[in-house]
Amino acid sequence: MSPTGEHRSAAPSPADHRTGAEPDGQPGRRTRRARSRPDRPAATIGRVAEAAGVSRATVSRVMNGSPTVAPELAARVRAAAEALNYEPSLVARSLALGRTSTVSLIVPDLANPMFQDVLRGLSHAAGTHGHRLLVAESNENAAEEAILAVEARRRSDGLVLAAPRVPEAELRALSERLAPLVLLNRDLPGSSVPSLSVDYSAGIAAIVAHLRSLGHRRLLYLAGPAASTSNRDRRAALRAACASEPACTFVELACGATFDDGHAAARAVRDADATAVVAFNDMVAFGALSGLHELGVAVPQDISVTGFDDIPFARYTTPPLTTASIPRNELGRQAWDRLWTLMNGGPAGHNVAFQPRLLVRESTGPVPAGRSAQRS
């Protein structure tokens, strides 16, 4: 008697499944062509159980990798499944295990290469553990984001929210329902939800210090989405950096997070009394560079422009963009590490804030000679 308690007969030999004679009519010669006949019924778990001489439950346990089935019996089931070309139903397997082998990622804007790189890092890491990735875009809509998060979590084993825009109170209320949950570019102080973020304050401080070293004292901030916590952090860092030096001031211009937003702001940038632009992200900076070029404003001769993120195209703009670099792929990989641990009942791990690295390129230069009086 096997550890599973099976008392059924052993699996029939492959010959027991052979039917028909060769076309030449010679007796005793059999063919396996019946396997490929289009009218042959599809292999089912019941047929595998019958062929292996076991119960359907035993076949299910073997197909799901259960260690409770004796090795010789498991080998018999797998041999029967292979002979019948049986493929387990993913839906049935998910119901049996209570898992989908899928995780979800929700981002505010898939057009932004920043989030594409996070997606790539997360997808690759999940794939090494046999998991697929479900991706959804909220299109910067906080109300839509909450709906997407709930729906995505229902269809997957865990959720990563990248730069979520929902208000903190709503995110706290949702966090238990969405668990296991990992946050990117957002944290919930006092919560057990793990977060991976970027120290935007340090990145902005490095950008401002660089611009100051070039003589810039009047800065223009092209602000990101109002619901973005990283936009709030950038604004606070700019305010703090300018407050530490009386001669330094900055003005804020409502903008957004996309190329089109930056492009639309170009005329206002040109007309502002500023010598340097600090854009919310690289996409906004790209749009501003394009719009300024169309208006005949030279960068950096007339005005300097900086971005944030160092997305892949930043070094190839005209001129190449000065920006703060963050480890986008690493954010995705570490998000998976924490999510995988949570999915397997482990601890959330400590929160991490990555330090940006300033990359000085040709979009920043000294204050224009005609405006040198603004130097301290």
Foldseek 3Di string as FASTA:
>chain_A
DWLVPAPFDAADDPVVPWDDDDPVPDPPHTDPCVLVDPPDDADDLVQLCVRGRHDSVVLLCLVLPHPSGDPVSSVSSVVSCVVRVNDDDLVVNCVVVVFNLEEEEEEADPVDLLVVLLVVLQQVLSVVVVHHYHYYHQVNDLVSRLVVLLVRLVNHLAYEYEQHLHDLVVCVVCPVSRPVYEYEQDDNPPDQHAYEYAQLLLFLLVVVVVQVVLQWAEEEEAAADPSGVSSVNNVVSVVVNNVVPVLHDYDYDHFHDALCRLLVCQVVVVVDPGAEYEYAAVRSQLNNVVNCVVVVHDFNQRHAYAHEACRVCQVVGVNRHWYWHDDSSVNNNVSNVQRVQRSVPHGNDHYYHHYTHTDDTRRDHHGHPVPSVSGD
